[in-house]
């Protein structure tokens, strides 16, 4: 009887440990990143910097060092926004170019305008005729 109790504890402990390890893996592996969207964060930074520039002009004057600092920060924020916009454009163009190349390479048409998937399909159709 003592042997069965030890076996039950051992089996139950192993199952509990495996369940805890699996649940921890699923919890940590499935968690999305806490990073905000790049486009939103760029726009948020531009908005914040423009607000600070407006406030520094109102409190310290148009030619104050504080206003010059926030003008410089606004310039950098707009540069970052432009870099992000151009990077997104390049990536979108690359995806579209890859898709067009895939369409041209994989889905060709024969002389009669019928679509065939690859050269092997065209050869099979030629054998059938």
N, C-alpha and C. Protein backbone atom coordinates (compact mmCIF):
# COMPACT_ATOMS: atom_id res chain seq x y z
N UNK A 1 0.81 -1.19 0.00
CA UNK A 1 0.00 0.00 0.00
C UNK A 1 0.86 1.26 0.00
N UNK A 2 1.92 1.21 0.74
CA UNK A 2 2.83 2.35 0.81
C UNK A 2 3.45 2.64 -0.56
N UNK A 3 3.69 1.62 -1.33
CA UNK A 3 4.27 1.77 -2.66
C UNK A 3 3.33 2.52 -3.59
N UNK A 4 2.01 2.21 -3.51
CA UNK A 4 1.05 2.88 -4.37
C UNK A 4 0.91 4.36 -4.01
N UNK A 5 0.99 4.71 -2.76
CA UNK A 5 0.92 6.10 -2.33
C UNK A 5 2.10 6.90 -2.86
N UNK A 6 3.28 6.31 -2.82
CA UNK A 6 4.47 6.99 -3.34
C UNK A 6 4.38 7.16 -4.86
N UNK A 7 3.87 6.14 -5.53
CA UNK A 7 3.71 6.21 -6.97
C UNK A 7 2.71 7.31 -7.35
N UNK A 8 1.62 7.40 -6.59
CA UNK A 8 0.60 8.42 -6.86
C UNK A 8 1.17 9.81 -6.67
N UNK A 9 1.94 10.00 -5.60
CA UNK A 9 2.54 11.31 -5.36
C UNK A 9 3.55 11.65 -6.46
N UNK A 10 4.30 10.70 -6.86
CA UNK A 10 5.30 10.94 -7.88
C UNK A 10 4.63 11.25 -9.22
N UNK A 11 3.62 10.48 -9.59
CA UNK A 11 2.92 10.69 -10.84
C UNK A 11 2.17 12.02 -10.82
N UNK A 12 1.53 12.31 -9.71
CA UNK A 12 0.80 13.57 -9.58
C UNK A 12 1.77 14.76 -9.61
N UNK A 13 2.90 14.64 -8.97
CA UNK A 13 3.89 15.71 -8.98
C UNK A 13 4.46 15.97 -10.36
N UNK A 14 4.72 14.90 -11.10
CA UNK A 14 5.23 15.06 -12.46
C UNK A 14 4.20 15.72 -13.36
N UNK A 15 2.95 15.31 -13.22
CA UNK A 15 1.89 15.89 -14.05
C UNK A 15 1.69 17.36 -13.71
N UNK A 16 1.74 17.68 -12.43
CA UNK A 16 1.58 19.08 -12.02
C UNK A 16 2.74 19.93 -12.53
N UNK A 17 3.94 19.40 -12.45
CA UNK A 17 5.10 20.12 -12.94
C UNK A 17 5.03 20.32 -14.46
N UNK A 18 4.62 19.29 -15.19
CA UNK A 18 4.50 19.41 -16.64
C UNK A 18 3.41 20.42 -17.00
N UNK A 19 2.29 20.40 -16.27
CA UNK A 19 1.21 21.35 -16.53
C UNK A 19 1.67 22.78 -16.25
N UNK A 20 2.39 22.98 -15.16
CA UNK A 20 2.88 24.32 -14.83
C UNK A 20 3.89 24.81 -15.87
N UNK A 21 4.76 23.94 -16.32
CA UNK A 21 5.74 24.34 -17.32
C UNK A 21 5.06 24.68 -18.65
N UNK A 22 4.09 23.87 -19.04
CA UNK A 22 3.38 24.14 -20.29
C UNK A 22 2.58 25.43 -20.21
N UNK A 23 1.90 25.66 -19.09
CA UNK A 23 1.12 26.90 -18.96
C UNK A 23 2.03 28.12 -18.92
N UNK A 24 3.18 28.03 -18.29
CA UNK A 24 4.12 29.15 -18.27
C UNK A 24 4.66 29.43 -19.67
N UNK A 25 4.95 28.38 -20.41
CA UNK A 25 5.42 28.56 -21.78
C UNK A 25 4.36 29.23 -22.64
N UNK A 26 3.12 28.77 -22.54
CA UNK A 26 2.05 29.36 -23.34
C UNK A 26 1.78 30.80 -22.93
N UNK A 27 1.88 31.08 -21.65
CA UNK A 27 1.64 32.44 -21.17
C UNK A 27 2.72 33.40 -21.67
N UNK A 28 3.97 32.98 -21.59
CA UNK A 28 5.06 33.87 -21.97
C UNK A 28 5.29 33.91 -23.48
N UNK A 29 5.06 32.83 -24.17
CA UNK A 29 5.29 32.80 -25.61
C UNK A 29 4.17 33.49 -26.37
N UNK A 30 2.97 33.45 -25.84
CA UNK A 30 1.84 34.01 -26.56
C UNK A 30 1.56 35.46 -26.24
N UNK A 31 2.32 36.05 -25.35
CA UNK A 31 2.06 37.43 -24.96
C UNK A 31 2.53 38.38 -26.06
N UNK A 32 1.68 39.29 -26.51
CA UNK A 32 2.12 40.25 -27.52
C UNK A 32 3.07 41.27 -26.90
N UNK A 33 3.84 41.89 -27.75
CA UNK A 33 4.78 42.88 -27.24
C UNK A 33 4.02 44.12 -26.78
N UNK A 34 4.56 44.80 -25.83
CA UNK A 34 3.91 45.98 -25.28
C UNK A 34 4.26 47.23 -26.06
N UNK A 35 4.97 47.08 -27.15
CA UNK A 35 5.38 48.23 -27.95
C UNK A 35 4.20 48.76 -28.76
N UNK A 36 4.06 50.05 -28.80
CA UNK A 36 2.97 50.66 -29.56
C UNK A 36 3.30 50.64 -31.04
N UNK A 37 2.32 50.93 -31.83
CA UNK A 37 2.50 50.99 -33.27
C UNK A 37 3.47 52.11 -33.61
N UNK A 38 4.37 51.85 -34.55
CA UNK A 38 5.39 52.84 -34.90
C UNK A 38 4.76 54.12 -35.44
N UNK A 39 3.76 53.96 -36.30
CA UNK A 39 3.12 55.14 -36.89
C UNK A 39 2.47 55.98 -35.80
N UNK A 40 1.78 55.34 -34.87
CA UNK A 40 1.13 56.07 -33.78
C UNK A 40 2.16 56.74 -32.87
N UNK A 41 3.25 56.04 -32.58
CA UNK A 41 4.24 56.64 -31.70
C UNK A 41 4.94 57.83 -32.37
N UNK A 42 5.16 57.74 -33.68
CA UNK A 42 5.76 58.88 -34.40
C UNK A 42 4.81 60.07 -34.38
N UNK A 43 3.55 59.82 -34.66
CA UNK A 43 2.58 60.92 -34.64
C UNK A 43 2.40 61.48 -33.24
N UNK A 44 2.44 60.62 -32.24
CA UNK A 44 2.31 61.07 -30.87
C UNK A 44 3.49 61.96 -30.49
N UNK A 45 4.68 61.59 -30.92
CA UNK A 45 5.86 62.40 -30.62
C UNK A 45 5.78 63.76 -31.30
N UNK A 46 5.34 63.79 -32.57
CA UNK A 46 5.20 65.05 -33.29
C UNK A 46 4.19 65.95 -32.58
N UNK A 47 3.07 65.38 -32.17
CA UNK A 47 2.04 66.16 -31.49
C UNK A 47 2.56 66.72 -30.17
N UNK A 48 3.26 65.90 -29.41
CA UNK A 48 3.80 66.35 -28.12
C UNK A 48 4.82 67.46 -28.32
N UNK A 49 5.69 67.32 -29.29
CA UNK A 49 6.74 68.31 -29.52
C UNK A 49 6.13 69.63 -29.99
N UNK A 50 5.12 69.56 -30.85
CA UNK A 50 4.47 70.79 -31.29
C UNK A 50 3.75 71.48 -30.13
N UNK A 51 3.16 70.69 -29.23
CA UNK A 51 2.53 71.27 -28.05
C UNK A 51 3.56 71.97 -27.18
N UNK A 52 4.71 71.30 -26.95
CA UNK A 52 5.75 71.91 -26.12
C UNK A 52 6.33 73.16 -26.77
N UNK A 53 6.46 73.16 -28.09
CA UNK A 53 6.93 74.34 -28.80
C UNK A 53 5.95 75.49 -28.61
N UNK A 54 4.68 75.21 -28.76
CA UNK A 54 3.66 76.25 -28.58
C UNK A 54 3.70 76.82 -27.16
N UNK A 55 3.81 75.92 -26.19
CA UNK A 55 3.86 76.37 -24.79
C UNK A 55 5.11 77.19 -24.51
N UNK A 56 6.25 76.78 -25.03
CA UNK A 56 7.48 77.53 -24.76
C UNK A 56 7.46 78.89 -25.45
N UNK A 57 6.84 78.98 -26.61
CA UNK A 57 6.70 80.29 -27.26
C UNK A 57 5.78 81.19 -26.44
N UNK A 58 4.69 80.61 -25.93
CA UNK A 58 3.74 81.40 -25.14
C UNK A 58 4.36 81.89 -23.84
N UNK A 59 5.17 81.06 -23.18
CA UNK A 59 5.71 81.43 -21.88
C UNK A 59 7.03 82.19 -21.96
N UNK A 60 7.90 81.81 -22.91
CA UNK A 60 9.25 82.38 -22.92
C UNK A 60 9.54 83.29 -24.10
N UNK A 61 8.69 83.29 -25.12
CA UNK A 61 8.91 84.14 -26.28
C UNK A 61 9.38 83.33 -27.48
N UNK A 62 9.21 83.93 -28.65
CA UNK A 62 9.48 83.23 -29.90
C UNK A 62 10.97 82.91 -30.07
N UNK A 63 11.86 83.80 -29.64
CA UNK A 63 13.29 83.61 -29.85
C UNK A 63 14.02 83.07 -28.63
N UNK A 64 13.29 82.50 -27.68
CA UNK A 64 13.91 82.01 -26.45
C UNK A 64 14.68 80.71 -26.73
N UNK A 65 15.63 80.38 -25.86
CA UNK A 65 16.36 79.11 -26.02
C UNK A 65 15.44 77.89 -25.90
N UNK A 66 14.41 78.00 -25.06
CA UNK A 66 13.47 76.89 -24.92
C UNK A 66 12.72 76.66 -26.23
N UNK A 67 12.28 77.74 -26.88
CA UNK A 67 11.57 77.60 -28.15
C UNK A 67 12.51 77.05 -29.22
N UNK A 68 13.76 77.49 -29.22
CA UNK A 68 14.71 76.95 -30.19
C UNK A 68 14.95 75.46 -29.97
N UNK A 69 15.01 75.05 -28.71
CA UNK A 69 15.19 73.62 -28.39
C UNK A 69 14.02 72.81 -28.94
N UNK A 70 12.79 73.28 -28.72
CA UNK A 70 11.63 72.52 -29.16
C UNK A 70 11.46 72.58 -30.68
N UNK A 71 11.96 73.65 -31.31
CA UNK A 71 11.98 73.68 -32.77
C UNK A 71 12.90 72.59 -33.31
N UNK A 72 14.06 72.46 -32.66
CA UNK A 72 14.99 71.42 -33.06
C UNK A 72 14.37 70.04 -32.85
N UNK A 73 13.71 69.81 -31.73
CA UNK A 73 13.06 68.53 -31.45
C UNK A 73 11.94 68.26 -32.46
N UNK A 74 11.21 69.32 -32.85
CA UNK A 74 10.14 69.14 -33.84
C UNK A 74 10.74 68.72 -35.18
N UNK A 75 11.86 69.32 -35.54
CA UNK A 75 12.53 68.95 -36.79
C UNK A 75 12.93 67.47 -36.76
N UNK A 76 13.49 67.02 -35.65
CA UNK A 76 13.88 65.61 -35.54
C UNK A 76 12.68 64.69 -35.57
N UNK A 77 11.58 65.11 -34.94
CA UNK A 77 10.37 64.27 -34.95
C UNK A 77 9.82 64.13 -36.36
N UNK A 78 9.83 65.22 -37.13
CA UNK A 78 9.36 65.14 -38.51
C UNK A 78 10.31 64.30 -39.37
N UNK A 79 11.60 64.38 -39.10
CA UNK A 79 12.54 63.53 -39.83
C UNK A 79 12.28 62.05 -39.55
N UNK A 80 12.03 61.72 -38.30
CA UNK A 80 11.74 60.33 -37.94
C UNK A 80 10.44 59.86 -38.60
N UNK A 81 9.44 60.72 -38.62
CA UNK A 81 8.18 60.38 -39.26
C UNK A 81 8.38 60.15 -40.76
N UNK A 82 9.18 60.96 -41.39
CA UNK A 82 9.45 60.80 -42.82
C UNK A 82 10.24 59.53 -43.09
N UNK A 83 11.21 59.20 -42.24
CA UNK A 83 11.95 57.95 -42.40
C UNK A 83 11.02 56.75 -42.28
N UNK A 84 10.13 56.79 -41.31
CA UNK A 84 9.19 55.68 -41.14
C UNK A 84 8.28 55.56 -42.36
N UNK A 85 7.77 56.70 -42.85
CA UNK A 85 6.87 56.69 -44.00
C UNK A 85 7.57 56.12 -45.23
N UNK A 86 8.82 56.52 -45.46
CA UNK A 86 9.56 56.01 -46.62
C UNK A 86 9.89 54.53 -46.47
N UNK A 87 10.22 54.10 -45.25
CA UNK A 87 10.50 52.68 -45.03
C UNK A 87 9.25 51.84 -45.31
N UNK A 88 8.10 52.30 -44.83
CA UNK A 88 6.86 51.58 -45.10
C UNK A 88 6.57 51.54 -46.59
N UNK A 89 6.83 52.63 -47.30
CA UNK A 89 6.58 52.66 -48.74
C UNK A 89 7.49 51.67 -49.45
N UNK A 90 8.77 51.64 -49.05
CA UNK A 90 9.70 50.69 -49.68
C UNK A 90 9.27 49.25 -49.44
N UNK A 91 8.86 48.95 -48.21
CA UNK A 91 8.44 47.58 -47.92
C UNK A 91 7.19 47.21 -48.69
N UNK A 92 6.24 48.12 -48.82
CA UNK A 92 5.03 47.84 -49.58
C UNK A 92 5.36 47.63 -51.06
N UNK A 93 6.23 48.48 -51.59
CA UNK A 93 6.64 48.31 -52.99
C UNK A 93 7.35 46.98 -53.20
N UNK A 94 8.17 46.59 -52.24
CA UNK A 94 8.88 45.32 -52.36
C UNK A 94 7.90 44.16 -52.36
N UNK A 95 6.88 44.19 -51.47
CA UNK A 95 5.89 43.12 -51.43
C UNK A 95 5.11 43.05 -52.73
N UNK A 96 4.71 44.20 -53.27
CA UNK A 96 3.97 44.20 -54.53
C UNK A 96 4.83 43.69 -55.67
N UNK A 97 6.10 44.07 -55.68
CA UNK A 97 7.00 43.60 -56.73
C UNK A 97 7.18 42.09 -56.64
N UNK A 98 7.33 41.56 -55.43
CA UNK A 98 7.45 40.12 -55.25
C UNK A 98 6.19 39.41 -55.72
N UNK A 99 5.03 39.98 -55.43
CA UNK A 99 3.79 39.34 -55.84
C UNK A 99 3.66 39.35 -57.36
N UNK A 100 4.01 40.46 -58.00
CA UNK A 100 3.94 40.50 -59.46
C UNK A 100 4.89 39.48 -60.08
N UNK A 101 6.08 39.36 -59.50
CA UNK A 101 7.04 38.38 -60.01
C UNK A 101 6.51 36.96 -59.82
N UNK A 102 5.88 36.71 -58.70
CA UNK A 102 5.28 35.40 -58.45
C UNK A 102 4.20 35.10 -59.48
N UNK A 103 3.35 36.08 -59.73
CA UNK A 103 2.29 35.90 -60.72
C UNK A 103 2.87 35.62 -62.10
N UNK A 104 3.89 36.36 -62.47
CA UNK A 104 4.49 36.17 -63.78
C UNK A 104 5.16 34.81 -63.90
N UNK A 105 5.83 34.41 -62.81
CA UNK A 105 6.60 33.17 -62.85
C UNK A 105 5.71 31.94 -62.71
N UNK A 106 4.72 31.99 -61.83
CA UNK A 106 3.97 30.79 -61.49
C UNK A 106 2.68 30.62 -62.28
N UNK A 107 2.08 31.68 -62.74
CA UNK A 107 0.77 31.58 -63.39
C UNK A 107 0.86 32.14 -64.80
N UNK A 108 1.47 31.39 -65.65
CA UNK A 108 1.66 31.83 -67.03
C UNK A 108 0.46 31.46 -67.88
N UNK A 109 0.46 31.98 -69.09
CA UNK A 109 -0.58 31.62 -70.06
C UNK A 109 0.09 31.03 -71.29
N UNK A 110 -0.60 30.11 -71.90
CA UNK A 110 -0.04 29.51 -73.12
C UNK A 110 -0.44 30.35 -74.33
N UNK A 111 -0.18 29.82 -75.52
CA UNK A 111 -0.43 30.58 -76.73
C UNK A 111 -1.90 30.88 -76.94
N UNK A 112 -2.78 30.01 -76.44
CA UNK A 112 -4.22 30.20 -76.60
C UNK A 112 -4.82 31.06 -75.50
N UNK A 113 -4.02 31.51 -74.57
CA UNK A 113 -4.52 32.34 -73.48
C UNK A 113 -4.99 31.55 -72.28
N UNK A 114 -4.83 30.22 -72.30
CA UNK A 114 -5.21 29.40 -71.15
C UNK A 114 -4.11 29.48 -70.10
N UNK A 115 -4.53 29.50 -68.86
CA UNK A 115 -3.55 29.56 -67.77
C UNK A 115 -3.02 28.18 -67.47
N UNK A 116 -1.76 28.11 -67.17
CA UNK A 116 -1.17 26.90 -66.65
C UNK A 116 -0.26 27.27 -65.50
N UNK A 117 -0.07 26.32 -64.61
CA UNK A 117 0.61 26.63 -63.37
C UNK A 117 2.11 26.68 -63.54
N UNK A 118 2.69 25.65 -64.06
CA UNK A 118 4.13 25.61 -64.29
C UNK A 118 4.40 24.92 -65.61
N UNK A 119 5.64 24.81 -65.95
CA UNK A 119 5.98 24.15 -67.20
C UNK A 119 5.54 22.70 -67.22
N UNK A 120 5.51 22.06 -66.06
CA UNK A 120 5.10 20.65 -66.05
C UNK A 120 3.64 20.52 -66.44
N UNK A 121 2.79 21.49 -66.05
CA UNK A 121 1.39 21.45 -66.44
C UNK A 121 1.24 21.70 -67.93
N UNK A 122 2.05 22.58 -68.46
CA UNK A 122 1.98 22.86 -69.89
C UNK A 122 2.40 21.63 -70.69
N UNK A 123 3.44 20.95 -70.21
CA UNK A 123 3.88 19.73 -70.89
C UNK A 123 2.82 18.65 -70.80
N UNK A 124 2.14 18.53 -69.69
CA UNK A 124 1.10 17.52 -69.53
C UNK A 124 -0.04 17.81 -70.50
N UNK A 125 -0.41 19.11 -70.63
CA UNK A 125 -1.47 19.45 -71.56
C UNK A 125 -1.04 19.18 -72.99
N UNK A 126 0.20 19.39 -73.31
CA UNK A 126 0.70 19.13 -74.65
C UNK A 126 0.67 17.63 -74.95
N UNK A 127 0.95 16.83 -73.94
CA UNK A 127 0.91 15.37 -74.14
C UNK A 127 -0.51 14.90 -74.37
N UNK A 128 -1.46 15.55 -73.77
CA UNK A 128 -2.86 15.15 -73.89
C UNK A 128 -3.42 15.48 -75.27
N UNK A 129 -2.95 16.54 -75.89
CA UNK A 129 -3.48 16.96 -77.20
C UNK A 129 -3.04 16.09 -78.31
